[in-house]
Protein backbone atom coordinates (compact mmCIF):
# COMPACT_ATOMS: atom_id res chain seq x y z
CA MET A 1 -77.20 -143.65 128.58
CA THR A 2 -73.46 -143.21 129.09
CA GLU A 3 -72.62 -139.54 129.15
CA ILE A 4 -69.70 -138.42 126.98
CA THR A 5 -69.72 -134.72 127.71
CA GLN A 6 -72.06 -132.75 129.89
CA ILE A 7 -73.96 -130.18 127.80
CA ARG A 8 -72.82 -126.68 128.60
CA PRO A 9 -74.02 -123.94 126.22
CA ASP A 10 -71.24 -121.56 127.26
CA ARG A 11 -68.39 -123.48 125.63
CA GLU A 12 -67.35 -125.66 122.73
CA VAL A 13 -65.97 -129.13 123.25
CA SER A 14 -63.34 -130.94 121.19
CA VAL A 15 -64.04 -134.62 120.81
CA ARG A 16 -60.69 -135.52 119.25
CA GLU A 17 -60.08 -137.96 122.12
CA THR A 18 -63.55 -139.46 121.67
CA PHE A 19 -63.67 -139.93 117.90
CA GLY A 20 -60.23 -138.87 116.67
CA ILE A 21 -62.00 -135.99 114.85
CA ASP A 22 -62.57 -132.37 115.87
CA VAL A 23 -66.23 -131.33 115.85
CA ASP A 24 -68.18 -128.76 117.84
CA LEU A 25 -70.63 -129.44 120.64
CA MET A 26 -74.08 -128.33 119.60
CA VAL A 27 -76.89 -127.73 122.07
CA PRO A 28 -80.22 -128.57 120.39
CA ALA A 29 -82.99 -125.99 120.22
CA PHE A 30 -86.26 -127.80 120.76
CA SER A 31 -89.36 -126.22 119.25
CA GLU A 32 -93.03 -126.43 120.11
CA ARG A 33 -93.63 -128.52 116.99
CA ASP A 34 -91.81 -131.49 118.56
CA ASP A 35 -94.48 -133.62 120.20
CA HIS A 36 -91.86 -136.00 121.52
CA VAL A 37 -88.36 -135.06 122.56
CA PRO A 38 -86.16 -138.08 123.29
CA GLU A 39 -83.78 -138.10 126.23
CA ILE A 40 -80.42 -136.80 125.01
CA ASP A 41 -77.10 -136.65 126.81
CA THR A 42 -75.02 -134.90 124.19
CA VAL A 43 -75.40 -133.59 120.67
CA TYR A 44 -72.51 -133.44 118.22
CA ARG A 45 -72.63 -131.87 114.79
CA PHE A 46 -71.13 -133.88 111.91
CA ASN A 47 -71.33 -133.84 108.15
CA PRO A 48 -71.99 -137.16 106.34
CA GLU A 49 -68.31 -137.62 105.50
CA VAL A 50 -67.37 -137.56 109.21
CA THR A 51 -70.13 -140.07 109.92
CA LEU A 52 -68.56 -142.36 107.32
CA ALA A 53 -65.12 -141.93 108.92
CA ILE A 54 -66.52 -142.88 112.33
CA LEU A 55 -68.24 -145.90 110.78
CA ALA A 56 -64.93 -147.05 109.38
CA GLY A 57 -62.81 -146.53 112.49
CA PHE A 58 -64.82 -146.08 115.69
CA SER A 59 -65.64 -149.19 117.71
CA ARG A 60 -66.23 -148.12 121.31
CA ASP A 61 -69.75 -148.40 122.69
CA ARG A 62 -70.94 -144.83 123.31
CA ARG A 63 -74.31 -143.12 123.39
CA VAL A 64 -74.58 -139.78 121.60
CA MET A 65 -77.15 -138.11 119.35
CA LEU A 66 -75.51 -137.02 116.10
CA GLN A 67 -76.78 -134.24 113.95
CA GLY A 68 -75.74 -135.32 110.46
CA MET A 69 -75.29 -132.06 108.67
CA HIS A 70 -76.02 -131.76 104.94
CA GLY A 71 -73.64 -129.12 103.65
CA THR A 72 -74.62 -127.42 100.43
CA GLY A 73 -72.73 -128.71 97.46
CA LYS A 74 -71.94 -131.98 99.13
CA SER A 75 -70.93 -134.86 96.94
CA THR A 76 -72.84 -137.57 98.75
CA HIS A 77 -76.16 -138.44 97.04
CA ILE A 78 -79.43 -139.30 98.75
CA GLU A 79 -79.01 -143.07 98.66
CA GLN A 80 -75.42 -142.96 99.91
CA VAL A 81 -76.27 -140.68 102.83
CA ALA A 82 -79.28 -142.83 103.71
CA ALA A 83 -77.16 -146.00 103.66
CA GLN A 84 -74.54 -144.41 105.94
CA HIS A 85 -77.26 -143.15 108.26
CA LEU A 86 -78.87 -146.57 108.65
CA ALA A 87 -75.53 -148.37 108.95
CA PHE A 88 -74.44 -145.99 111.72
CA GLU A 89 -77.65 -146.46 113.68
CA ARG A 90 -77.45 -150.25 113.34
CA LYS A 91 -73.83 -150.34 114.47
CA PHE A 92 -74.04 -148.00 117.45
CA GLY A 93 -77.72 -147.82 118.36
CA ILE A 94 -77.45 -144.04 118.15
CA GLY A 95 -79.94 -141.70 116.49
CA ILE A 96 -79.00 -139.32 113.68
CA ILE A 97 -80.97 -136.17 112.89
CA GLU A 98 -80.29 -134.94 109.36
CA THR A 99 -80.37 -131.19 108.79
CA MET A 100 -79.15 -128.69 106.20
CA GLY A 101 -77.89 -125.15 106.42
CA LEU A 102 -76.01 -122.54 104.43
CA THR A 103 -73.56 -119.83 105.38
CA GLU A 104 -76.16 -117.41 104.04
CA THR A 105 -78.81 -118.67 106.48
CA ALA A 106 -76.54 -118.56 109.56
CA ALA A 107 -78.10 -121.78 110.88
CA PRO A 108 -79.87 -124.93 109.70
CA CYS A 109 -82.82 -124.02 107.48
CA PHE A 110 -84.09 -127.60 107.15
CA SER A 111 -84.32 -130.13 109.95
CA ASN A 112 -85.84 -133.52 110.55
CA PRO A 113 -88.07 -133.80 113.63
CA LEU A 114 -86.49 -135.27 116.74
CA ALA A 115 -89.08 -138.04 116.98
CA PRO A 116 -87.59 -141.03 115.08
CA GLU A 117 -90.93 -142.11 113.59
CA ARG A 118 -91.34 -138.70 111.91
CA ARG A 119 -87.90 -138.55 110.25
CA LYS A 120 -87.21 -139.37 106.60
CA VAL A 121 -83.78 -140.87 106.01
CA GLY A 122 -81.99 -139.24 103.06
CA SER A 123 -83.79 -135.92 103.51
CA PRO A 124 -82.54 -132.96 105.59
CA GLY A 125 -86.17 -132.46 106.58
CA PRO A 126 -88.82 -129.78 106.03
CA ALA A 127 -88.15 -126.05 106.32
CA PHE A 128 -87.27 -125.09 109.88
CA GLY A 129 -87.53 -121.47 111.03
CA ASN A 130 -88.05 -120.20 107.47
CA GLU A 131 -90.02 -120.79 104.28
CA ALA A 132 -88.90 -122.97 101.38
CA LYS A 133 -90.01 -123.66 97.84
CA ILE A 134 -88.74 -125.31 94.65
CA ILE A 135 -88.65 -123.24 91.44
CA ASP A 136 -88.06 -123.90 87.77
CA GLY A 137 -85.74 -121.98 85.44
CA ALA A 138 -88.37 -119.26 84.97
CA GLY A 139 -88.74 -118.73 88.73
CA LEU A 140 -92.14 -120.41 89.00
CA ALA A 141 -92.92 -122.63 91.99
CA LEU A 142 -92.96 -126.34 91.20
CA PRO A 143 -95.36 -128.95 92.61
CA ALA A 144 -94.28 -131.78 94.90
CA GLY A 145 -91.93 -134.30 93.35
CA GLN A 146 -90.50 -132.09 90.60
CA VAL A 147 -86.79 -131.16 90.67
CA GLY A 148 -85.77 -127.52 90.62
CA GLU A 149 -83.75 -125.00 92.60
CA ILE A 150 -84.28 -124.92 96.36
CA MET A 151 -85.21 -121.45 97.62
CA VAL A 152 -85.46 -120.25 101.23
CA ARG A 153 -86.77 -117.09 102.89
CA GLY A 154 -86.86 -116.01 106.50
CA ALA A 155 -85.42 -113.87 109.28
CA ASN A 156 -82.30 -116.06 109.36
CA VAL A 157 -81.40 -115.27 105.74
CA MET A 158 -78.61 -112.76 105.20
CA SER A 159 -79.40 -109.23 104.07
CA CYS A 160 -76.49 -109.03 101.61
CA TYR A 161 -72.95 -110.09 100.77
CA TYR A 162 -70.54 -107.62 102.33
CA LYS A 163 -69.53 -104.98 99.76
CA ASP A 164 -70.69 -107.17 96.87
CA PRO A 165 -73.96 -105.77 95.51
CA ALA A 166 -73.68 -107.66 92.20
CA GLU A 167 -73.49 -111.07 93.87
CA THR A 168 -76.22 -110.03 96.30
CA ALA A 169 -78.53 -109.19 93.39
CA ARG A 170 -77.84 -112.56 91.77
CA THR A 171 -78.50 -114.49 94.98
CA LEU A 172 -81.30 -112.58 96.72
CA GLU A 173 -84.65 -111.71 95.17
CA ARG A 174 -86.23 -108.40 96.13
CA ASP A 175 -88.93 -110.20 98.12
CA GLY A 176 -86.30 -111.95 100.26
CA TRP A 177 -86.08 -115.36 98.58
CA LEU A 178 -82.53 -116.76 98.57
CA HIS A 179 -81.21 -118.83 95.66
CA THR A 180 -79.38 -121.70 97.34
CA GLY A 181 -77.85 -123.05 94.13
CA ASP A 182 -78.97 -126.53 95.20
CA LEU A 183 -81.18 -128.74 93.08
CA GLY A 184 -83.82 -130.85 94.75
CA TYR A 185 -87.47 -131.62 95.20
CA MET A 186 -90.06 -131.41 97.96
CA ASP A 187 -92.39 -134.30 98.74
CA ALA A 188 -96.06 -134.06 99.68
CA ASP A 189 -95.14 -133.72 103.38
CA GLY A 190 -92.80 -130.79 102.77
CA PHE A 191 -89.58 -132.78 103.20
CA VAL A 192 -86.79 -131.62 100.86
CA PHE A 193 -84.45 -134.02 99.03
CA VAL A 194 -81.24 -132.59 97.57
CA THR A 195 -80.20 -134.00 94.19
CA GLY A 196 -77.28 -131.81 93.12
CA ARG A 197 -75.81 -128.38 92.45
CA ILE A 198 -76.83 -126.15 89.56
CA LYS A 199 -73.20 -125.28 88.76
CA GLU A 200 -72.33 -128.99 88.59
CA LEU A 201 -75.17 -129.90 86.24
CA ILE A 202 -73.96 -131.59 83.05
CA ILE A 203 -75.69 -130.36 79.89
CA LYS A 204 -75.04 -132.84 77.10
CA GLY A 205 -76.67 -132.08 73.76
CA GLY A 206 -79.25 -129.92 75.54
CA GLU A 207 -80.19 -132.62 78.07
CA ASN A 208 -79.64 -131.97 81.75
CA ILE A 209 -77.80 -134.79 83.51
CA ALA A 210 -77.30 -134.72 87.28
CA PRO A 211 -73.77 -135.93 88.02
CA ARG A 212 -75.00 -137.66 91.15
CA GLU A 213 -77.03 -140.00 88.97
CA ILE A 214 -73.73 -141.14 87.45
CA ASP A 215 -72.13 -141.34 90.90
CA GLU A 216 -74.97 -143.51 92.20
CA ALA A 217 -74.67 -146.01 89.40
CA LEU A 218 -70.89 -146.28 89.70
CA LEU A 219 -70.99 -146.70 93.47
CA GLN A 220 -73.08 -149.83 93.02
CA HIS A 221 -70.10 -151.47 91.29
CA PRO A 222 -68.46 -153.87 93.77
CA ALA A 223 -64.90 -152.78 92.88
CA LEU A 224 -65.37 -149.05 93.50
CA LEU A 225 -64.85 -147.20 96.76
CA GLU A 226 -65.58 -143.66 95.52
CA ALA A 227 -66.81 -142.10 92.31
CA ALA A 228 -67.59 -138.61 91.04
CA ALA A 229 -68.71 -137.45 87.59
CA VAL A 230 -68.21 -134.05 85.99
CA GLY A 231 -69.00 -132.39 82.68
CA ILE A 232 -66.10 -131.78 80.29
CA PRO A 233 -66.02 -129.72 77.07
CA ASP A 234 -67.06 -131.50 73.88
CA ALA A 235 -67.19 -130.12 70.34
CA ASN A 236 -70.30 -132.09 69.36
CA TYR A 237 -72.48 -132.14 72.48
CA GLY A 238 -71.24 -129.05 74.32
CA GLN A 239 -70.38 -131.26 77.28
CA GLU A 240 -69.47 -134.91 77.74
CA ILE A 241 -69.13 -136.90 80.95
CA MET A 242 -65.92 -137.81 82.75
CA ALA A 243 -65.97 -140.08 85.80
CA CYS A 244 -63.15 -140.30 88.33
CA VAL A 245 -63.12 -143.46 90.41
CA VAL A 246 -61.21 -144.87 93.37
CA LEU A 247 -60.88 -148.64 93.59
CA LYS A 248 -61.39 -150.54 96.82
CA PRO A 249 -58.22 -152.12 98.27
CA ASP A 250 -57.23 -155.31 96.46
CA GLN A 251 -59.86 -154.73 93.73
CA THR A 252 -59.21 -154.37 90.01
CA CYS A 253 -61.41 -153.14 87.20
CA SER A 254 -60.75 -151.94 83.66
CA GLU A 255 -62.16 -148.94 81.83
CA ASP A 256 -63.94 -151.24 79.39
CA GLU A 257 -65.58 -153.11 82.27
CA LEU A 258 -66.84 -149.87 83.78
CA ARG A 259 -68.13 -148.65 80.43
CA LYS A 260 -70.13 -151.82 79.84
CA TYR A 261 -71.44 -151.68 83.40
CA CYS A 262 -72.61 -148.07 82.97
CA GLU A 263 -74.25 -148.80 79.63
CA GLY A 264 -76.36 -151.40 81.38
CA ALA A 265 -77.12 -149.22 84.42
CA LEU A 266 -77.47 -145.80 82.77
CA GLY A 267 -77.83 -146.32 79.04
CA ILE A 268 -75.33 -145.32 76.38
CA TYR A 269 -76.16 -141.60 76.42
CA LYS A 270 -75.35 -141.15 80.12
CA THR A 271 -72.33 -143.45 80.14
CA PRO A 272 -69.13 -141.45 80.78
CA ARG A 273 -66.95 -140.86 77.74
CA GLN A 274 -63.83 -140.89 79.92
CA PHE A 275 -62.89 -142.79 83.07
CA ARG A 276 -59.98 -141.77 85.28
CA PHE A 277 -58.62 -144.08 87.97
CA VAL A 278 -57.26 -141.98 90.85
CA GLN A 279 -55.84 -142.63 94.31
CA GLU A 280 -58.25 -140.16 95.90
CA LEU A 281 -60.85 -137.57 94.96
CA PRO A 282 -60.14 -133.87 95.64
CA LYS A 283 -61.86 -132.87 98.86
CA GLY A 284 -62.21 -129.79 101.01
CA PRO A 285 -61.45 -129.51 104.75
CA SER A 286 -64.81 -131.05 105.70
CA GLY A 287 -64.29 -134.06 103.46
CA LYS A 288 -66.69 -132.99 100.71
CA VAL A 289 -65.69 -133.86 97.16
CA GLN A 290 -64.82 -130.75 95.15
CA ARG A 291 -66.32 -131.94 91.90
CA LEU A 292 -65.19 -129.08 89.67
CA LYS A 293 -61.55 -129.68 90.67
CA LEU A 294 -61.79 -132.96 88.79
CA LEU A 295 -61.39 -130.83 85.65
CA ASP A 296 -57.75 -130.35 86.65
CA LEU A 297 -57.22 -134.00 85.73
CA LEU A 298 -57.91 -133.30 82.04
């Protein structure tokens, strides 16, 4: 392997000159559960949006193990992240380990194993260093395969929000379980798959619609570069669906064309009532789409 940066746990390393993007050097913590630890020169920590940026603009032949971080509330859905993951590995011959963490857990709370044959692309992995479960609206644990809220508990979970007992009570159960606010499911092997955010859930006529389901369908359209759906107020249904889309360069598409496409892919009920063509989607510093800011376009 060609070494980019020698691992030194006593300092952080900017890789602006390497990738044109600032990220932090991360030294991996290997656990006893890893039966096989591959040889690694350097580990960098990225979110999926940075991985996509590197895919689009990085062409030098380097060897580096990337930890593709799943940030909570991210806009990228399972299939999109998986496609980026596989495309990156094909292009560079470099392994990606998907993980997920929250500010409230101080570190990744889910992680794929290091051994490639044990990873599941599109999942941040099973619980790592803590417990996890999926619950329904009544707080009852759900079986494998059913979507609910992802909960975590462990020594890495915060004790409280500083000087905010009300928010602490809403987020932390008395027995230590943390409400992540993320929707997802756990498979039979304990791997978690994130499907959305509770606050972003669209409730149309009493039916729950995950906005990522709309995103997924739209992103299959050959003219679209980006897409994000959000719930908007509606007098009849409580909420309707608005989709904001970014066209690929030199591509054209009308609202009527998108509506007909969605009716075929999603059915009439889940087809957005409104489509907005925009130059770019609102994003935070890490490149994550800020879905609720799409409401400012109304």
